[in-house]
Amino acid sequence: MNIFTQQLYTIQSKDITSVVIVLADENHPIFRAHFEGNPLLPAFLHVDIAAEIFGFEVVGITRSKFMEPLLPNDEVVVSIEQRPVGVRIRFVRDTRIASEINLEIL
C-alpha cells in the first residue's frame, strides 16, 4: 500500500477478475484534500488502487475516461480485463461505469 491509499478502501470480496471495495468516509485525508466541501476520489488513485489490488506495476496509460465521480463510502466494483497489450480496468458504481482505463503493465 502506498501512502495515498492507506486506509482509503476496504476489500469486501475478491476473485480473479473483480474486486468489490468500499471507499473510506469523507474524513480520510484524500477526501479532505480533494476537494474541500465536495470530496471525490482523484483520478490518479483509480490507477493506484487497481495496481495495488491486482498486483501489477503500471508502465503507461494508453487511454482513460472518467464518467462518474467516486465519493466517500461508495461501494465500487473494480474489474480487470486482459487486452492484446496490457489491461483494461473499470470502476463501476451502482451499475454505472465511473472510469475505464487502459494500462500497459509489468
PDB file of N, CA and C in Angstrom:
ATOM      1  N   MET A   1       0.842  -1.183   0.000  1.00  0.00           N
ATOM      2  CA  MET A   1       0.000   0.000   0.000  1.00  0.00           C
ATOM      3  C   MET A   1       0.886   1.245   0.000  1.00  0.00           C
ATOM      4  N   ASN A   2       0.516   2.223  -0.826  1.00  0.00           N
ATOM      5  CA  ASN A   2       1.304   3.454  -0.801  1.00  0.00           C
ATOM      6  C   ASN A   2       0.668   4.450   0.170  1.00  0.00           C
ATOM      7  N   ILE A   3       1.335   5.530   0.402  1.00  0.00           N
ATOM      8  CA  ILE A   3       0.891   6.497   1.400  1.00  0.00           C
ATOM      9  C   ILE A   3      -0.506   7.060   1.087  1.00  0.00           C
ATOM     10  N   PHE A   4      -0.841   7.201  -0.190  1.00  0.00           N
ATOM     11  CA  PHE A   4      -2.135   7.770  -0.568  1.00  0.00           C
ATOM     12  C   PHE A   4      -3.286   6.796  -0.351  1.00  0.00           C
ATOM     13  N   THR A   5      -3.015   5.500  -0.475  1.00  0.00           N
ATOM     14  CA  THR A   5      -4.109   4.529  -0.408  1.00  0.00           C
ATOM     15  C   THR A   5      -4.270   3.891   0.971  1.00  0.00           C
ATOM     16  N   GLN A   6      -3.430   4.262   1.926  1.00  0.00           N
ATOM     17  CA  GLN A   6      -3.565   3.698   3.267  1.00  0.00           C
ATOM     18  C   GLN A   6      -4.937   4.008   3.840  1.00  0.00           C
ATOM     19  N   GLN A   7      -5.660   2.961   4.188  1.00  0.00           N
ATOM     20  CA  GLN A   7      -6.998   3.053   4.777  1.00  0.00           C
ATOM     21  C   GLN A   7      -8.003   3.805   3.899  1.00  0.00           C
ATOM     22  N   LEU A   8      -7.728   3.864   2.587  1.00  0.00           N
ATOM     23  CA  LEU A   8      -8.625   4.549   1.661  1.00  0.00           C
ATOM     24  C   LEU A   8      -9.787   3.668   1.231  1.00  0.00           C
ATOM     25  N   TYR A   9      -9.586   2.363   1.270  1.00  0.00           N
ATOM     26  CA  TYR A   9     -10.643   1.438   0.859  1.00  0.00           C
ATOM     27  C   TYR A   9     -10.535   0.145   1.647  1.00  0.00           C
ATOM     28  N   THR A  10     -11.647  -0.581   1.672  1.00  0.00           N
ATOM     29  CA  THR A  10     -11.706  -1.897   2.304  1.00  0.00           C
ATOM     30  C   THR A  10     -12.206  -2.878   1.258  1.00  0.00           C
ATOM     31  N   ILE A  11     -11.525  -4.009   1.150  1.00  0.00           N
ATOM     32  CA  ILE A  11     -11.947  -5.042   0.206  1.00  0.00           C
ATOM     33  C   ILE A  11     -13.086  -5.841   0.831  1.00  0.00           C
ATOM     34  N   GLN A  12     -14.197  -5.922   0.107  1.00  0.00           N
ATOM     35  CA  GLN A  12     -15.366  -6.678   0.563  1.00  0.00           C
ATOM     36  C   GLN A  12     -15.362  -8.100   0.012  1.00  0.00           C
ATOM     37  N   SER A  13     -14.967  -8.242  -1.265  1.00  0.00           N
ATOM     38  CA  SER A  13     -14.863  -9.565  -1.887  1.00  0.00           C
ATOM     39  C   SER A  13     -13.898  -9.462  -3.058  1.00  0.00           C
ATOM     40  N   LYS A  14     -13.343 -10.617  -3.438  1.00  0.00           N
ATOM     41  CA  LYS A  14     -12.332 -10.603  -4.488  1.00  0.00           C
ATOM     42  C   LYS A  14     -12.335 -11.930  -5.222  1.00  0.00           C
ATOM     43  N   ASP A  15     -12.228 -11.857  -6.563  1.00  0.00           N
ATOM     44  CA  ASP A  15     -11.966 -13.052  -7.356  1.00  0.00           C
ATOM     45  C   ASP A  15     -10.875 -12.699  -8.368  1.00  0.00           C
ATOM     46  N   ILE A  16     -10.668 -13.528  -9.352  1.00  0.00           N
ATOM     47  CA  ILE A  16      -9.554 -13.322 -10.287  1.00  0.00           C
ATOM     48  C   ILE A  16      -9.712 -12.047 -11.116  1.00  0.00           C
ATOM     49  N   THR A  17     -10.933 -11.707 -11.515  1.00  0.00           N
ATOM     50  CA  THR A  17     -11.125 -10.569 -12.413  1.00  0.00           C
ATOM     51  C   THR A  17     -11.859  -9.379 -11.811  1.00  0.00           C
ATOM     52  N   SER A  18     -12.320  -9.476 -10.582  1.00  0.00           N
ATOM     53  CA  SER A  18     -13.002  -8.322  -9.992  1.00  0.00           C
ATOM     54  C   SER A  18     -12.886  -8.312  -8.474  1.00  0.00           C
ATOM     55  N   VAL A  19     -12.968  -7.108  -7.957  1.00  0.00           N
ATOM     56  CA  VAL A  19     -12.876  -6.882  -6.515  1.00  0.00           C
ATOM     57  C   VAL A  19     -13.935  -5.849  -6.142  1.00  0.00           C
ATOM     58  N   VAL A  20     -14.646  -6.112  -5.055  1.00  0.00           N
ATOM     59  CA  VAL A  20     -15.603  -5.128  -4.536  1.00  0.00           C
ATOM     60  C   VAL A  20     -14.918  -4.422  -3.368  1.00  0.00           C
ATOM     61  N   ILE A  21     -14.871  -3.087  -3.470  1.00  0.00           N
ATOM     62  CA  ILE A  21     -14.274  -2.289  -2.401  1.00  0.00           C
ATOM     63  C   ILE A  21     -15.300  -1.278  -1.896  1.00  0.00           C
ATOM     64  N   VAL A  22     -15.081  -0.809  -0.676  1.00  0.00           N
ATOM     65  CA  VAL A  22     -15.846   0.307  -0.124  1.00  0.00           C
ATOM     66  C   VAL A  22     -14.837   1.393   0.211  1.00  0.00           C
ATOM     67  N   LEU A  23     -15.074   2.582  -0.306  1.00  0.00           N
ATOM     68  CA  LEU A  23     -14.177   3.703  -0.041  1.00  0.00           C
ATOM     69  C   LEU A  23     -14.370   4.223   1.374  1.00  0.00           C
ATOM     70  N   ALA A  24     -13.330   4.836   1.899  1.00  0.00           N
ATOM     71  CA  ALA A  24     -13.367   5.428   3.243  1.00  0.00           C
ATOM     72  C   ALA A  24     -14.375   6.580   3.278  1.00  0.00           C
ATOM     73  N   ASP A  25     -14.646   7.053   4.481  1.00  0.00           N
ATOM     74  CA  ASP A  25     -15.565   8.181   4.612  1.00  0.00           C
ATOM     75  C   ASP A  25     -14.854   9.504   4.309  1.00  0.00           C
ATOM     76  N   GLU A  26     -15.601  10.580   4.369  1.00  0.00           N
ATOM     77  CA  GLU A  26     -15.089  11.904   3.995  1.00  0.00           C
ATOM     78  C   GLU A  26     -13.994  12.418   4.919  1.00  0.00           C
ATOM     79  N   ASN A  27     -13.741  11.750   6.028  1.00  0.00           N
ATOM     80  CA  ASN A  27     -12.678  12.177   6.941  1.00  0.00           C
ATOM     81  C   ASN A  27     -11.295  11.678   6.536  1.00  0.00           C
ATOM     82  N   HIS A  28     -11.227  10.792   5.548  1.00  0.00           N
ATOM     83  CA  HIS A  28      -9.920  10.330   5.071  1.00  0.00           C
ATOM     84  C   HIS A  28      -9.173  11.530   4.480  1.00  0.00           C
ATOM     85  N   PRO A  29      -7.853  11.640   4.708  1.00  0.00           N
ATOM     86  CA  PRO A  29      -7.084  12.795   4.213  1.00  0.00           C
ATOM     87  C   PRO A  29      -7.227  13.065   2.712  1.00  0.00           C
ATOM     88  N   ILE A  30      -7.350  12.018   1.905  1.00  0.00           N
ATOM     89  CA  ILE A  30      -7.522  12.225   0.456  1.00  0.00           C
ATOM     90  C   ILE A  30      -8.810  12.990   0.176  1.00  0.00           C
ATOM     91  N   PHE A  31      -9.897  12.586   0.817  1.00  0.00           N
ATOM     92  CA  PHE A  31     -11.176  13.255   0.572  1.00  0.00           C
ATOM     93  C   PHE A  31     -11.221  14.660   1.176  1.00  0.00           C
ATOM     94  N   ARG A  32     -10.509  14.856   2.274  1.00  0.00           N
ATOM     95  CA  ARG A  32     -10.471  16.204   2.873  1.00  0.00           C
ATOM     96  C   ARG A  32      -9.705  17.171   1.968  1.00  0.00           C
ATOM     97  N   ALA A  33      -8.716  16.642   1.235  1.00  0.00           N
ATOM     98  CA  ALA A  33      -7.895  17.488   0.374  1.00  0.00           C
ATOM     99  C   ALA A  33      -8.469  17.657  -1.029  1.00  0.00           C
ATOM    100  N   HIS A  34      -9.296  16.718  -1.465  1.00  0.00           N
ATOM    101  CA  HIS A  34      -9.745  16.700  -2.871  1.00  0.00           C
ATOM    102  C   HIS A  34     -11.236  16.453  -2.955  1.00  0.00           C
ATOM    103  N   PHE A  35     -12.067  17.303  -2.940  1.00  0.00           N
ATOM    104  CA  PHE A  35     -11.936  18.748  -2.775  1.00  0.00           C
ATOM    105  C   PHE A  35     -12.696  19.144  -1.536  1.00  0.00           C
ATOM    106  N   GLU A  36     -12.230  20.146  -0.835  1.00  0.00           N
ATOM    107  CA  GLU A  36     -12.885  20.583   0.384  1.00  0.00           C
ATOM    108  C   GLU A  36     -14.337  20.952   0.102  1.00  0.00           C
ATOM    109  N   GLY A  37     -15.239  20.351   0.843  1.00  0.00           N
ATOM    110  CA  GLY A  37     -16.660  20.618   0.664  1.00  0.00           C
ATOM    111  C   GLY A  37     -17.317  19.809  -0.449  1.00  0.00           C
ATOM    112  N   ASN A  38     -16.541  19.172  -1.295  1.00  0.00           N
ATOM    113  CA  ASN A  38     -17.063  18.354  -2.389  1.00  0.00           C
ATOM    114  C   ASN A  38     -16.094  17.196  -2.650  1.00  0.00           C
ATOM    115  N   PRO A  39     -15.957  16.273  -1.692  1.00  0.00           N
ATOM    116  CA  PRO A  39     -14.934  15.238  -1.787  1.00  0.00           C
ATOM    117  C   PRO A  39     -15.200  14.228  -2.902  1.00  0.00           C
ATOM    118  N   LEU A  40     -14.131  13.876  -3.630  1.00  0.00           N
ATOM    119  CA  LEU A  40     -14.207  12.800  -4.612  1.00  0.00           C
ATOM    120  C   LEU A  40     -12.834  12.165  -4.770  1.00  0.00           C
ATOM    121  N   LEU A  41     -12.834  10.936  -5.275  1.00  0.00           N
ATOM    122  CA  LEU A  41     -11.596  10.193  -5.435  1.00  0.00           C
ATOM    123  C   LEU A  41     -10.818  10.739  -6.626  1.00  0.00           C
ATOM    124  N   PRO A  42      -9.571  11.192  -6.423  1.00  0.00           N
ATOM    125  CA  PRO A  42      -8.772  11.702  -7.538  1.00  0.00           C
ATOM    126  C   PRO A  42      -8.535  10.613  -8.586  1.00  0.00           C
ATOM    127  N   ALA A  43      -8.463  11.028  -9.834  1.00  0.00           N
ATOM    128  CA  ALA A  43      -8.308  10.090 -10.953  1.00  0.00           C
ATOM    129  C   ALA A  43      -7.055   9.217 -10.818  1.00  0.00           C
ATOM    130  N   PHE A  44      -5.938   9.794 -10.394  1.00  0.00           N
ATOM    131  CA  PHE A  44      -4.712   9.002 -10.314  1.00  0.00           C
ATOM    132  C   PHE A  44      -4.846   7.844  -9.329  1.00  0.00           C
ATOM    133  N   LEU A  45      -5.731   7.986  -8.358  1.00  0.00           N
ATOM    134  CA  LEU A  45      -5.894   6.905  -7.385  1.00  0.00           C
ATOM    135  C   LEU A  45      -6.699   5.737  -7.937  1.00  0.00           C
ATOM    136  N   HIS A  46      -7.458   5.935  -8.998  1.00  0.00           N
ATOM    137  CA  HIS A  46      -8.108   4.807  -9.662  1.00  0.00           C
ATOM    138  C   HIS A  46      -7.014   3.844 -10.139  1.00  0.00           C
ATOM    139  N   VAL A  47      -5.975   4.403 -10.735  1.00  0.00           N
ATOM    140  CA  VAL A  47      -4.856   3.599 -11.238  1.00  0.00           C
ATOM    141  C   VAL A  47      -4.110   2.933 -10.084  1.00  0.00           C
ATOM    142  N   ASP A  48      -3.787   3.694  -9.059  1.00  0.00           N
ATOM    143  CA  ASP A  48      -3.043   3.154  -7.912  1.00  0.00           C
ATOM    144  C   ASP A  48      -3.811   2.037  -7.210  1.00  0.00           C
ATOM    145  N   ILE A  49      -5.093   2.228  -7.006  1.00  0.00           N
ATOM    146  CA  ILE A  49      -5.900   1.208  -6.332  1.00  0.00           C
ATOM    147  C   ILE A  49      -5.933  -0.069  -7.159  1.00  0.00           C
ATOM    148  N   ALA A  50      -6.167   0.048  -8.462  1.00  0.00           N
ATOM    149  CA  ALA A  50      -6.211  -1.137  -9.328  1.00  0.00           C
ATOM    150  C   ALA A  50      -4.875  -1.876  -9.313  1.00  0.00           C
ATOM    151  N   ALA A  51      -3.775  -1.149  -9.425  1.00  0.00           N
ATOM    152  CA  ALA A  51      -2.449  -1.778  -9.416  1.00  0.00           C
ATOM    153  C   ALA A  51      -2.207  -2.505  -8.093  1.00  0.00           C
ATOM    154  N   GLU A  52      -2.625  -1.895  -7.010  1.00  0.00           N
ATOM    155  CA  GLU A  52      -2.466  -2.485  -5.688  1.00  0.00           C
ATOM    156  C   GLU A  52      -3.308  -3.755  -5.548  1.00  0.00           C
ATOM    157  N   ILE A  53      -4.558  -3.675  -5.940  1.00  0.00           N
ATOM    158  CA  ILE A  53      -5.482  -4.797  -5.783  1.00  0.00           C
ATOM    159  C   ILE A  53      -5.072  -5.991  -6.634  1.00  0.00           C
ATOM    160  N   PHE A  54      -4.699  -5.724  -7.895  1.00  0.00           N
ATOM    161  CA  PHE A  54      -4.405  -6.818  -8.811  1.00  0.00           C
ATOM    162  C   PHE A  54      -2.918  -7.158  -8.887  1.00  0.00           C
ATOM    163  N   GLY A  55      -2.083  -6.395  -8.198  1.00  0.00           N
ATOM    164  CA  GLY A  55      -0.666  -6.735  -8.072  1.00  0.00           C
ATOM    165  C   GLY A  55       0.173  -6.557  -9.316  1.00  0.00           C
ATOM    166  N   PHE A  56       0.019  -5.425  -9.996  1.00  0.00           N
ATOM    167  CA  PHE A  56       0.867  -5.160 -11.151  1.00  0.00           C
ATOM    168  C   PHE A  56       1.492  -3.781 -11.027  1.00  0.00           C
ATOM    169  N   GLU A  57       2.502  -3.546 -11.871  1.00  0.00           N
ATOM    170  CA  GLU A  57       3.150  -2.244 -11.924  1.00  0.00           C
ATOM    171  C   GLU A  57       2.753  -1.564 -13.223  1.00  0.00           C
ATOM    172  N   VAL A  58       2.349  -0.325 -13.142  1.00  0.00           N
ATOM    173  CA  VAL A  58       1.915   0.419 -14.320  1.00  0.00           C
ATOM    174  C   VAL A  58       3.123   1.018 -15.028  1.00  0.00           C
ATOM    175  N   VAL A  59       3.197   0.770 -16.338  1.00  0.00           N
ATOM    176  CA  VAL A  59       4.260   1.327 -17.172  1.00  0.00           C
ATOM    177  C   VAL A  59       3.739   2.545 -17.934  1.00  0.00           C
ATOM    178  N   GLY A  60       2.453   2.497 -18.310  1.00  0.00           N
ATOM    179  CA  GLY A  60       1.878   3.613 -19.047  1.00  0.00           C
ATOM    180  C   GLY A  60       0.363   3.530 -19.091  1.00  0.00           C
ATOM    181  N   ILE A  61      -0.237   4.659 -19.400  1.00  0.00           N
ATOM    182  CA  ILE A  61      -1.688   4.747 -19.576  1.00  0.00           C
ATOM    183  C   ILE A  61      -1.924   5.050 -21.050  1.00  0.00           C
ATOM    184  N   THR A  62      -2.650   4.158 -21.737  1.00  0.00           N
ATOM    185  CA  THR A  62      -2.880   4.359 -23.163  1.00  0.00           C
ATOM    186  C   THR A  62      -4.224   5.029 -23.445  1.00  0.00           C
ATOM    187  N   ARG A  63      -5.140   4.915 -22.509  1.00  0.00           N
ATOM    188  CA  ARG A  63      -6.469   5.537 -22.665  1.00  0.00           C
ATOM    189  C   ARG A  63      -7.108   5.625 -21.294  1.00  0.00           C
ATOM    190  N   SER A  64      -7.783   6.724 -21.027  1.00  0.00           N
ATOM    191  CA  SER A  64      -8.530   6.826 -19.777  1.00  0.00           C
ATOM    192  C   SER A  64      -9.766   7.685 -20.000  1.00  0.00           C
ATOM    193  N   LYS A  65     -10.826   7.284 -19.327  1.00  0.00           N
ATOM    194  CA  LYS A  65     -12.073   8.018 -19.415  1.00  0.00           C
ATOM    195  C   LYS A  65     -12.739   7.967 -18.047  1.00  0.00           C
ATOM    196  N   PHE A  66     -13.109   9.135 -17.536  1.00  0.00           N
ATOM    197  CA  PHE A  66     -13.726   9.243 -16.225  1.00  0.00           C
ATOM    198  C   PHE A  66     -15.122   9.827 -16.414  1.00  0.00           C
ATOM    199  N   MET A  67     -16.148   9.004 -16.146  1.00  0.00           N
ATOM    200  CA  MET A  67     -17.523   9.394 -16.437  1.00  0.00           C
ATOM    201  C   MET A  67     -18.335   9.785 -15.209  1.00  0.00           C
ATOM    202  N   GLU A  68     -18.054   9.177 -14.081  1.00  0.00           N
ATOM    203  CA  GLU A  68     -18.832   9.413 -12.858  1.00  0.00           C
ATOM    204  C   GLU A  68     -17.857   9.606 -11.694  1.00  0.00           C
ATOM    205  N   PRO A  69     -18.147  10.528 -10.783  1.00  0.00           N
ATOM    206  CA  PRO A  69     -17.259  10.671  -9.625  1.00  0.00           C
ATOM    207  C   PRO A  69     -17.427   9.491  -8.663  1.00  0.00           C
ATOM    208  N   LEU A  70     -16.346   9.159  -7.987  1.00  0.00           N
ATOM    209  CA  LEU A  70     -16.396   8.187  -6.889  1.00  0.00           C
ATOM    210  C   LEU A  70     -16.283   8.978  -5.602  1.00  0.00           C
ATOM    211  N   LEU A  71     -17.233   8.736  -4.703  1.00  0.00           N
ATOM    212  CA  LEU A  71     -17.385   9.547  -3.498  1.00  0.00           C
ATOM    213  C   LEU A  71     -17.101   8.739  -2.238  1.00  0.00           C
ATOM    214  N   PRO A  72     -16.897   9.412  -1.119  1.00  0.00           N
ATOM    215  CA  PRO A  72     -16.701   8.696   0.143  1.00  0.00           C
ATOM    216  C   PRO A  72     -17.827   7.692   0.385  1.00  0.00           C
ATOM    217  N   ASN A  73     -17.475   6.557   0.957  1.00  0.00           N
ATOM    218  CA  ASN A  73     -18.399   5.478   1.320  1.00  0.00           C
ATOM    219  C   ASN A  73     -18.995   4.730   0.128  1.00  0.00           C
ATOM    220  N   ASP A  74     -18.596   5.052  -1.090  1.00  0.00           N
ATOM    221  CA  ASP A  74     -19.116   4.331  -2.249  1.00  0.00           C
ATOM    222  C   ASP A  74     -18.645   2.881  -2.246  1.00  0.00           C
ATOM    223  N   GLU A  75     -19.547   1.986  -2.652  1.00  0.00           N
ATOM    224  CA  GLU A  75     -19.177   0.605  -2.924  1.00  0.00           C
ATOM    225  C   GLU A  75     -18.893   0.530  -4.424  1.00  0.00           C
ATOM    226  N   VAL A  76     -17.731   0.005  -4.763  1.00  0.00           N
ATOM    227  CA  VAL A  76     -17.247   0.037  -6.139  1.00  0.00           C
ATOM    228  C   VAL A  76     -16.761  -1.344  -6.546  1.00  0.00           C
ATOM    229  N   VAL A  77     -17.116  -1.750  -7.757  1.00  0.00           N
ATOM    230  CA  VAL A  77     -16.571  -2.980  -8.333  1.00  0.00           C
ATOM    231  C   VAL A  77     -15.428  -2.571  -9.256  1.00  0.00           C
ATOM    232  N   VAL A  78     -14.243  -3.092  -8.963  1.00  0.00           N
ATOM    233  CA  VAL A  78     -13.063  -2.843  -9.786  1.00  0.00           C
ATOM    234  C   VAL A  78     -12.796  -4.124 -10.559  1.00  0.00           C
ATOM    235  N   SER A  79     -12.812  -4.025 -11.891  1.00  0.00           N
ATOM    236  CA  SER A  79     -12.597  -5.231 -12.696  1.00  0.00           C
ATOM    237  C   SER A  79     -11.404  -5.043 -13.623  1.00  0.00           C
ATOM    238  N   ILE A  80     -10.822  -6.171 -14.008  1.00  0.00           N
ATOM    239  CA  ILE A  80      -9.662  -6.176 -14.893  1.00  0.00           C
ATOM    240  C   ILE A  80      -9.960  -7.099 -16.070  1.00  0.00           C
ATOM    241  N   GLU A  81      -9.555  -6.654 -17.239  1.00  0.00           N
ATOM    242  CA  GLU A  81      -9.744  -7.433 -18.458  1.00  0.00           C
ATOM    243  C   GLU A  81      -8.416  -7.423 -19.219  1.00  0.00           C
ATOM    244  N   GLN A  82      -7.923  -8.595 -19.573  1.00  0.00           N
ATOM    245  CA  GLN A  82      -6.706  -8.675 -20.363  1.00  0.00           C
ATOM    246  C   GLN A  82      -6.966  -8.116 -21.758  1.00  0.00           C
ATOM    247  N   ARG A  83      -6.031  -7.359 -22.269  1.00  0.00           N
ATOM    248  CA  ARG A  83      -6.100  -6.781 -23.610  1.00  0.00           C
ATOM    249  C   ARG A  83      -4.904  -7.294 -24.404  1.00  0.00           C
ATOM    250  N   PRO A  84      -4.904  -7.119 -25.732  1.00  0.00           N
ATOM    251  CA  PRO A  84      -3.733  -7.562 -26.509  1.00  0.00           C
ATOM    252  C   PRO A  84      -2.426  -6.966 -25.977  1.00  0.00           C
ATOM    253  N   VAL A  85      -2.503  -5.708 -25.534  1.00  0.00           N
ATOM    254  CA  VAL A  85      -1.348  -5.074 -24.894  1.00  0.00           C
ATOM    255  C   VAL A  85      -1.848  -4.497 -23.574  1.00  0.00           C
ATOM    256  N   GLY A  86      -1.479  -5.110 -22.463  1.00  0.00           N
ATOM    257  CA  GLY A  86      -1.865  -4.588 -21.157  1.00  0.00           C
ATOM    258  C   GLY A  86      -3.231  -5.044 -20.693  1.00  0.00           C
ATOM    259  N   VAL A  87      -3.880  -4.175 -19.919  1.00  0.00           N
ATOM    260  CA  VAL A  87      -5.168  -4.500 -19.321  1.00  0.00           C
ATOM    261  C   VAL A  87      -6.110  -3.302 -19.402  1.00  0.00           C
ATOM    262  N   ARG A  88      -7.406  -3.596 -19.281  1.00  0.00           N
ATOM    263  CA  ARG A  88      -8.417  -2.553 -19.134  1.00  0.00           C
ATOM    264  C   ARG A  88      -8.985  -2.678 -17.728  1.00  0.00           C
ATOM    265  N   ILE A  89      -9.030  -1.571 -17.033  1.00  0.00           N
ATOM    266  CA  ILE A  89      -9.569  -1.511 -15.679  1.00  0.00           C
ATOM    267  C   ILE A  89     -10.870  -0.715 -15.730  1.00  0.00           C
ATOM    268  N   ARG A  90     -11.878  -1.225 -15.039  1.00  0.00           N
ATOM    269  CA  ARG A  90     -13.142  -0.484 -14.919  1.00  0.00           C
ATOM    270  C   ARG A  90     -13.496  -0.339 -13.445  1.00  0.00           C
ATOM    271  N   PHE A  91     -13.954   0.841 -13.085  1.00  0.00           N
ATOM    272  CA  PHE A  91     -14.516   1.108 -11.768  1.00  0.00           C
ATOM    273  C   PHE A  91     -16.002   1.339 -11.991  1.00  0.00           C
ATOM    274  N   VAL A  92     -16.831   0.529 -11.344  1.00  0.00           N
ATOM    275  CA  VAL A  92     -18.281   0.600 -11.544  1.00  0.00           C
ATOM    276  C   VAL A  92     -18.961   0.839 -10.201  1.00  0.00           C
ATOM    277  N   ARG A  93     -19.853   1.834 -10.192  1.00  0.00           N
ATOM    278  CA  ARG A  93     -20.642   2.150  -9.004  1.00  0.00           C
ATOM    279  C   ARG A  93     -22.107   2.121  -9.397  1.00  0.00           C
ATOM    280  N   ASP A  94     -22.896   1.375  -8.669  1.00  0.00           N
ATOM    281  CA  ASP A  94     -24.337   1.311  -8.937  1.00  0.00           C
ATOM    282  C   ASP A  94     -24.636   0.981 -10.407  1.00  0.00           C
ATOM    283  N   THR A  95     -23.943   0.008 -10.939  1.00  0.00           N
ATOM    284  CA  THR A  95     -24.071  -0.485 -12.325  1.00  0.00           C
ATOM    285  C   THR A  95     -23.641   0.532 -13.385  1.00  0.00           C
ATOM    286  N   ARG A  96     -23.115   1.666 -12.984  1.00  0.00           N
ATOM    287  CA  ARG A  96     -22.647   2.679 -13.936  1.00  0.00           C
ATOM    288  C   ARG A  96     -21.122   2.726 -13.932  1.00  0.00           C
ATOM    289  N   ILE A  97     -20.546   2.769 -15.115  1.00  0.00           N
ATOM    290  CA  ILE A  97     -19.082   2.846 -15.212  1.00  0.00           C
ATOM    291  C   ILE A  97     -18.637   4.233 -14.763  1.00  0.00           C
ATOM    292  N   ALA A  98     -17.809   4.258 -13.743  1.00  0.00           N
ATOM    293  CA  ALA A  98     -17.257   5.526 -13.252  1.00  0.00           C
ATOM    294  C   ALA A  98     -15.979   5.874 -14.004  1.00  0.00           C
ATOM    295  N   SER A  99     -15.150   4.852 -14.273  1.00  0.00           N
ATOM    296  CA  SER A  99     -13.935   5.087 -15.044  1.00  0.00           C
ATOM    297  C   SER A  99     -13.535   3.827 -15.798  1.00  0.00           C
ATOM    298  N   GLU A 100     -12.826   4.051 -16.898  1.00  0.00           N
ATOM    299  CA  GLU A 100     -12.301   2.963 -17.706  1.00  0.00           C
ATOM    300  C   GLU A 100     -10.908   3.390 -18.142  1.00  0.00           C
ATOM    301  N   ILE A 101      -9.916   2.558 -17.843  1.00  0.00           N
ATOM    302  CA  ILE A 101      -8.530   2.933 -18.066  1.00  0.00           C
ATOM    303  C   ILE A 101      -7.793   1.763 -18.699  1.00  0.00           C
ATOM    304  N   ASN A 102      -7.128   2.014 -19.820  1.00  0.00           N
ATOM    305  CA  ASN A 102      -6.276   1.002 -20.447  1.00  0.00           C
ATOM    306  C   ASN A 102      -4.848   1.268 -20.008  1.00  0.00           C
ATOM    307  N   LEU A 103      -4.205   0.227 -19.486  1.00  0.00           N
ATOM    308  CA  LEU A 103      -2.874   0.375 -18.916  1.00  0.00           C
ATOM    309  C   LEU A 103      -1.883  -0.599 -19.551  1.00  0.00           C
ATOM    310  N   GLU A 104      -0.653  -0.125 -19.720  1.00  0.00           N
ATOM    311  CA  GLU A 104       0.468  -1.007 -20.014  1.00  0.00           C
ATOM    312  C   GLU A 104       1.055  -1.374 -18.664  1.00  0.00           C
ATOM    313  N   ILE A 105       1.295  -2.664 -18.461  1.00  0.00           N
ATOM    314  CA  ILE A 105       1.739  -3.119 -17.137  1.00  0.00           C
ATOM    315  C   ILE A 105       2.936  -4.055 -17.241  1.00  0.00           C
ATOM    316  N   LEU A 106       3.581  -4.249 -16.109  1.00  0.00           N
ATOM    317  CA  LEU A 106       4.640  -5.263 -15.961  1.00  0.00           C
ATOM    318  C   LEU A 106       4.076  -6.424 -15.177  1.00  0.00           C
TER     319      LEU A 106
END
